[in-house]
N, C-alpha and C. Protein backbone atom coordinates (compact mmCIF):
# COMPACT_ATOMS: atom_id res chain seq x y z
N VAL A 1 21.65 -21.04 -17.24
CA VAL A 1 22.36 -20.81 -18.28
C VAL A 1 23.36 -20.04 -18.48
N GLN A 2 23.97 -20.75 -19.83
CA GLN A 2 25.12 -19.53 -19.83
C GLN A 2 25.11 -18.66 -21.60
N LEU A 3 25.42 -18.24 -21.83
CA LEU A 3 25.41 -17.29 -23.08
C LEU A 3 26.91 -17.37 -23.72
N GLN A 4 27.24 -17.82 -24.28
CA GLN A 4 28.69 -17.54 -25.16
C GLN A 4 28.46 -17.22 -26.53
N ALA A 5 28.75 -15.58 -26.44
CA ALA A 5 29.22 -14.48 -27.72
C ALA A 5 30.93 -15.04 -28.64
N SER A 6 29.88 -14.67 -29.41
CA SER A 6 30.92 -14.91 -30.62
C SER A 6 30.95 -14.09 -31.70
N GLY A 7 32.04 -14.32 -32.61
CA GLY A 7 31.59 -13.15 -33.80
C GLY A 7 33.01 -12.19 -33.75
N GLY A 8 33.39 -11.17 -32.44
CA GLY A 8 33.35 -10.13 -32.40
C GLY A 8 35.34 -10.26 -33.49
N GLY A 9 35.65 -9.04 -34.37
CA GLY A 9 37.04 -9.01 -34.12
C GLY A 9 37.44 -7.62 -35.44
N LEU A 10 37.78 -8.14 -36.05
CA LEU A 10 38.83 -6.86 -37.16
C LEU A 10 38.47 -6.19 -38.03
N VAL A 11 36.99 -5.65 -38.73
CA VAL A 11 37.28 -5.42 -39.55
C VAL A 11 37.15 -4.13 -40.19
N GLN A 12 37.69 -3.63 -41.53
CA GLN A 12 37.73 -2.27 -41.82
C GLN A 12 36.35 -1.46 -42.29
N THR A 13 36.23 -0.67 -42.25
CA THR A 13 35.33 0.05 -42.34
C THR A 13 34.44 -0.40 -43.92
N GLY A 14 33.07 -0.47 -44.23
CA GLY A 14 32.52 -0.64 -44.60
C GLY A 14 32.21 -2.53 -44.33
N GLY A 15 32.96 -2.95 -44.34
CA GLY A 15 33.36 -4.14 -43.67
C GLY A 15 31.91 -5.13 -42.78
N SER A 16 31.78 -6.56 -42.89
CA SER A 16 30.25 -7.19 -42.12
C SER A 16 30.91 -8.08 -40.52
N LEU A 17 29.88 -7.91 -39.86
CA LEU A 17 30.44 -8.44 -39.27
C LEU A 17 28.63 -9.55 -38.91
N ARG A 18 29.24 -10.82 -38.48
CA ARG A 18 27.90 -11.41 -37.38
C ARG A 18 28.03 -11.94 -35.78
N LEU A 19 27.35 -10.77 -35.16
CA LEU A 19 28.33 -11.64 -33.87
C LEU A 19 26.60 -12.64 -33.64
N SER A 20 27.70 -14.09 -32.34
CA SER A 20 25.95 -14.58 -31.45
C SER A 20 26.35 -14.83 -30.51
N CYS A 21 25.23 -15.07 -29.98
CA CYS A 21 25.17 -15.78 -28.31
C CYS A 21 24.17 -16.55 -28.47
N ALA A 22 25.28 -17.68 -28.04
CA ALA A 22 24.11 -19.28 -27.67
C ALA A 22 24.05 -19.50 -26.75
N ALA A 23 22.77 -20.10 -25.97
CA ALA A 23 22.71 -19.91 -24.90
C ALA A 23 22.01 -21.62 -25.01
N SER A 24 23.02 -22.20 -23.80
CA SER A 24 22.85 -23.22 -23.15
C SER A 24 22.66 -23.46 -21.99
N GLY A 25 22.38 -24.68 -21.23
CA GLY A 25 21.98 -24.60 -19.88
C GLY A 25 20.50 -24.82 -19.36
N THR A 26 19.85 -24.50 -20.65
CA THR A 26 18.37 -24.40 -20.00
C THR A 26 17.37 -25.38 -21.38
N THR A 27 16.43 -25.52 -20.59
CA THR A 27 15.83 -25.85 -22.05
C THR A 27 14.08 -25.05 -22.31
N PHE A 28 14.31 -24.29 -21.96
CA PHE A 28 13.30 -23.04 -22.29
C PHE A 28 14.06 -22.00 -23.53
N SER A 29 12.82 -21.75 -24.31
CA SER A 29 13.71 -20.72 -24.94
C SER A 29 14.09 -19.55 -24.84
N ILE A 30 14.91 -18.33 -25.62
CA ILE A 30 15.34 -17.41 -25.32
C ILE A 30 13.68 -16.12 -26.14
N ASN A 31 13.26 -15.52 -25.16
CA ASN A 31 11.87 -14.95 -25.19
C ASN A 31 12.66 -13.05 -25.60
N ILE A 32 13.48 -12.47 -25.06
CA ILE A 32 13.65 -11.29 -25.71
C ILE A 32 14.66 -11.45 -25.34
N ILE A 33 15.67 -9.97 -26.78
CA ILE A 33 16.35 -10.43 -27.65
C ILE A 33 17.23 -8.93 -27.69
N GLY A 34 18.48 -8.19 -26.68
CA GLY A 34 19.42 -7.49 -26.33
C GLY A 34 20.72 -7.11 -26.88
N TRP A 35 21.25 -5.83 -28.40
CA TRP A 35 22.04 -6.61 -28.90
C TRP A 35 22.31 -4.99 -27.90
N TYR A 36 23.52 -5.22 -26.56
CA TYR A 36 24.05 -3.50 -26.27
C TYR A 36 25.71 -3.38 -26.35
N ARG A 37 26.32 -2.56 -27.13
CA ARG A 37 26.90 -1.69 -26.84
C ARG A 37 28.27 -1.30 -25.71
N GLN A 38 28.95 -1.48 -25.60
CA GLN A 38 29.91 -0.03 -24.97
C GLN A 38 31.79 0.17 -24.98
N ALA A 39 31.45 1.03 -26.09
CA ALA A 39 33.05 1.70 -25.85
C ALA A 39 34.12 2.33 -25.26
N PRO A 40 34.68 2.69 -25.20
CA PRO A 40 35.80 2.91 -24.47
C PRO A 40 35.86 3.82 -23.27
N GLY A 41 35.00 4.19 -21.93
CA GLY A 41 34.93 5.72 -21.95
C GLY A 41 33.32 5.76 -22.26
N LYS A 42 32.64 5.29 -22.54
CA LYS A 42 31.41 5.73 -22.76
C LYS A 42 30.32 4.55 -21.78
N GLN A 43 28.93 4.94 -21.17
CA GLN A 43 27.93 3.88 -20.90
C GLN A 43 28.11 3.23 -22.14
N ARG A 44 27.56 1.71 -21.53
CA ARG A 44 26.51 0.68 -22.08
C ARG A 44 25.16 1.20 -23.13
N GLU A 45 25.39 1.39 -24.17
CA GLU A 45 23.99 1.80 -24.85
C GLU A 45 23.40 0.28 -25.38
N LEU A 46 21.48 0.47 -25.73
CA LEU A 46 20.68 -0.96 -26.57
C LEU A 46 21.23 -0.41 -27.79
N VAL A 47 21.40 -1.31 -29.00
CA VAL A 47 21.59 -0.81 -30.28
C VAL A 47 20.32 -1.98 -31.10
N ALA A 48 20.33 -3.02 -30.55
CA ALA A 48 18.86 -3.24 -31.41
C ALA A 48 18.17 -3.95 -30.03
N GLY A 49 17.13 -4.35 -30.13
CA GLY A 49 16.29 -5.00 -29.56
C GLY A 49 15.19 -5.72 -30.13
N VAL A 50 14.78 -7.22 -29.59
CA VAL A 50 13.71 -7.92 -30.31
C VAL A 50 12.71 -8.19 -29.23
N GLY A 51 11.71 -8.22 -29.15
CA GLY A 51 10.52 -7.89 -27.70
C GLY A 51 10.33 -10.02 -28.56
N SER A 52 8.97 -9.86 -26.71
CA SER A 52 8.51 -11.12 -27.55
C SER A 52 7.62 -11.69 -28.37
N GLY A 53 7.00 -10.18 -28.83
CA GLY A 53 6.31 -11.02 -30.27
C GLY A 53 6.85 -10.43 -31.50
N GLY A 54 7.99 -10.04 -31.62
CA GLY A 54 9.29 -10.13 -32.86
C GLY A 54 9.28 -8.75 -33.11
N ARG A 55 8.94 -7.83 -32.35
CA ARG A 55 8.86 -6.29 -32.91
C ARG A 55 10.05 -6.12 -32.30
N THR A 56 10.77 -5.63 -33.29
CA THR A 56 12.73 -4.92 -33.16
C THR A 56 12.39 -3.53 -33.71
N ASN A 57 13.63 -3.13 -33.07
CA ASN A 57 13.91 -1.84 -32.34
C ASN A 57 15.36 -1.57 -32.05
N TYR A 58 15.83 -0.49 -32.98
CA TYR A 58 17.26 -0.47 -33.52
C TYR A 58 17.42 0.85 -33.41
N ALA A 59 19.02 1.15 -32.34
CA ALA A 59 19.18 2.44 -32.03
C ALA A 59 19.82 3.64 -33.74
N ASP A 60 19.15 4.42 -33.65
CA ASP A 60 19.30 5.46 -34.94
C ASP A 60 20.55 5.41 -35.96
N SER A 61 21.70 5.10 -34.44
CA SER A 61 22.45 5.50 -35.25
C SER A 61 23.00 3.78 -36.31
N VAL A 62 22.41 2.73 -35.85
CA VAL A 62 22.78 1.62 -36.97
C VAL A 62 21.29 1.45 -37.90
N LYS A 63 19.93 2.06 -37.28
CA LYS A 63 19.42 1.86 -38.42
C LYS A 63 19.86 1.51 -40.27
N GLY A 64 19.21 0.44 -40.55
CA GLY A 64 19.51 0.22 -41.83
C GLY A 64 21.58 -0.64 -42.11
N ARG A 65 21.59 -1.10 -41.20
CA ARG A 65 22.88 -1.47 -40.96
C ARG A 65 22.80 -2.64 -40.37
N PHE A 66 22.27 -2.78 -38.68
CA PHE A 66 22.54 -4.12 -37.97
C PHE A 66 20.62 -4.64 -38.29
N THR A 67 20.75 -6.33 -38.60
CA THR A 67 20.22 -6.70 -38.14
C THR A 67 20.55 -8.39 -36.58
N ALA A 68 19.06 -8.22 -35.72
CA ALA A 68 19.08 -8.75 -34.98
C ALA A 68 17.87 -9.52 -35.87
N SER A 69 18.53 -10.75 -35.47
CA SER A 69 17.69 -12.58 -34.80
C SER A 69 17.91 -12.99 -33.92
N SER A 70 17.39 -14.28 -34.33
CA SER A 70 17.41 -15.53 -33.62
C SER A 70 17.24 -17.12 -33.92
N ASP A 71 17.85 -18.02 -34.04
CA ASP A 71 17.59 -19.16 -33.81
C ASP A 71 16.79 -19.92 -32.75
N ASN A 72 15.95 -19.96 -32.96
CA ASN A 72 14.96 -20.85 -31.61
C ASN A 72 15.32 -22.91 -31.31
N ALA A 73 15.67 -22.59 -33.04
CA ALA A 73 16.51 -24.69 -32.65
C ALA A 73 17.34 -24.18 -31.83
N LYS A 74 18.49 -22.98 -31.98
CA LYS A 74 18.95 -23.43 -31.88
C LYS A 74 20.06 -23.44 -30.17
N ASN A 75 18.56 -22.16 -30.45
CA ASN A 75 18.69 -20.83 -29.09
C ASN A 75 19.74 -20.05 -29.02
N THR A 76 20.23 -19.71 -29.79
CA THR A 76 20.85 -18.51 -30.47
C THR A 76 20.47 -17.74 -31.59
N VAL A 77 20.89 -15.73 -30.98
CA VAL A 77 21.55 -14.64 -30.79
C VAL A 77 21.74 -14.66 -32.64
N TYR A 78 21.71 -13.73 -32.85
CA TYR A 78 22.85 -13.21 -33.94
C TYR A 78 22.68 -11.95 -34.07
N LEU A 79 22.74 -10.58 -34.43
CA LEU A 79 23.33 -9.47 -34.74
C LEU A 79 24.39 -9.02 -36.00
N GLN A 80 23.30 -8.85 -37.28
CA GLN A 80 24.13 -8.94 -38.42
C GLN A 80 24.30 -7.59 -38.34
N MET A 81 25.59 -7.58 -39.30
CA MET A 81 26.28 -5.43 -38.64
C MET A 81 27.31 -5.55 -39.83
N ASN A 82 26.32 -4.60 -41.37
CA ASN A 82 26.74 -4.23 -42.46
C ASN A 82 27.21 -2.92 -42.03
N SER A 83 27.97 -2.56 -43.49
CA SER A 83 28.68 -0.66 -43.30
C SER A 83 29.29 -0.39 -42.42
N LEU A 84 29.52 -0.80 -41.19
CA LEU A 84 30.52 -0.79 -39.95
C LEU A 84 31.16 0.52 -40.37
N LYS A 85 31.70 1.47 -38.84
CA LYS A 85 31.84 2.49 -39.38
C LYS A 85 33.18 2.19 -37.88
N PRO A 86 34.02 3.22 -38.18
CA PRO A 86 35.53 3.35 -36.68
C PRO A 86 34.13 3.90 -35.64
N GLU A 87 33.12 4.16 -36.11
CA GLU A 87 32.83 4.30 -34.04
C GLU A 87 31.57 3.62 -33.79
N ASP A 88 31.83 2.25 -34.98
CA ASP A 88 31.02 0.71 -34.42
C ASP A 88 31.50 0.31 -32.47
N THR A 89 33.43 0.99 -33.18
CA THR A 89 34.34 -0.59 -32.30
C THR A 89 33.56 0.40 -31.27
N ALA A 90 33.27 -1.13 -29.94
CA ALA A 90 32.92 -1.47 -28.56
C ALA A 90 33.36 -2.71 -27.96
N LYS A 91 33.19 -3.06 -27.02
CA LYS A 91 33.00 -4.66 -26.74
C LYS A 91 31.67 -4.72 -26.53
N TYR A 92 30.05 -5.66 -27.55
CA TYR A 92 29.26 -5.73 -27.92
C TYR A 92 28.55 -7.03 -26.53
N TYR A 93 27.40 -6.77 -26.27
CA TYR A 93 26.52 -7.08 -24.92
C TYR A 93 25.69 -7.97 -25.59
N CYS A 94 24.77 -9.93 -26.09
CA CYS A 94 24.03 -9.75 -25.87
C CYS A 94 23.18 -10.19 -24.38
N ASN A 95 22.10 -9.87 -24.41
CA ASN A 95 21.23 -9.59 -23.16
C ASN A 95 19.50 -10.15 -23.50
N VAL A 96 19.31 -11.71 -22.73
CA VAL A 96 18.16 -11.97 -23.45
C VAL A 96 17.35 -12.79 -22.30
N MET A 97 16.07 -12.87 -22.23
CA MET A 97 15.36 -12.92 -21.69
C MET A 97 14.18 -14.72 -21.92
N ILE A 98 15.02 -15.65 -20.92
CA ILE A 98 14.73 -17.12 -20.61
C ILE A 98 14.28 -17.35 -19.28
N ASN A 99 12.66 -18.04 -19.37
CA ASN A 99 12.01 -18.14 -18.34
C ASN A 99 12.15 -17.31 -18.45
N SER A 100 11.38 -15.73 -18.15
CA SER A 100 11.36 -14.80 -17.45
C SER A 100 12.36 -14.16 -16.77
N ARG A 101 13.95 -14.58 -16.69
CA ARG A 101 15.58 -13.78 -16.72
C ARG A 101 15.98 -13.34 -16.94
N TYR A 102 17.01 -12.80 -17.23
CA TYR A 102 17.64 -12.25 -17.93
C TYR A 102 19.07 -12.62 -17.53
N TYR A 103 19.63 -13.27 -18.45
CA TYR A 103 20.72 -13.16 -18.69
C TYR A 103 22.06 -11.98 -19.52
N TRP A 104 23.36 -11.74 -19.23
CA TRP A 104 24.14 -11.23 -19.99
C TRP A 104 25.50 -11.81 -21.34
N GLY A 105 25.35 -12.58 -22.05
CA GLY A 105 26.73 -12.69 -22.64
C GLY A 105 28.05 -11.72 -21.72
N GLN A 106 28.92 -12.51 -21.93
CA GLN A 106 30.67 -12.22 -21.81
C GLN A 106 31.23 -10.73 -22.48
N GLY A 107 30.50 -10.60 -23.72
CA GLY A 107 30.26 -10.00 -24.51
C GLY A 107 32.13 -9.78 -26.14
N THR A 108 31.94 -9.57 -26.96
CA THR A 108 32.07 -9.80 -27.40
C THR A 108 32.99 -8.31 -28.35
N LEU A 109 34.39 -8.67 -28.94
CA LEU A 109 35.03 -7.10 -28.79
C LEU A 109 34.85 -6.94 -30.24
N VAL A 110 34.23 -5.76 -30.82
CA VAL A 110 34.25 -5.30 -32.85
C VAL A 110 34.93 -3.68 -32.71
N THR A 111 36.27 -4.26 -33.68
CA THR A 111 37.34 -3.03 -33.62
C THR A 111 37.20 -3.01 -35.49
N VAL A 112 36.76 -1.31 -35.57
CA VAL A 112 36.56 -0.68 -36.86
C VAL A 112 38.01 -0.24 -37.28
N SER A 113 38.73 -0.85 -38.04
CA SER A 113 39.42 -0.03 -38.70
C SER A 113 39.21 1.04 -39.17
N SER A 114 40.10 2.38 -39.88
CA SER A 114 39.02 3.38 -40.96
C SER A 114 40.35 3.52 -41.83
């Protein structure tokens, strides 16, 4: 199984980006989704999660601004990020469970300029 992440880039404060993470090499669907980020000099943190029942949870710092979702037909997960702030600057990683195993995407860099 491979996860291909995309959608990162440079955006101004208040802008939006949509990150994608597409799974390939499997016939199984994604069950559990996690989006993490790691800023320079900081630990990796969970920013959004979607459980197997569709229940979502978000870090307080992104609630109301970020939305995690998935497209089962494309076996792709998304993170819609709105009202971006400079403190959202980080490398973002998807982490998904497929057929009872967890896989990490390679990460995509998001830079928010002030």
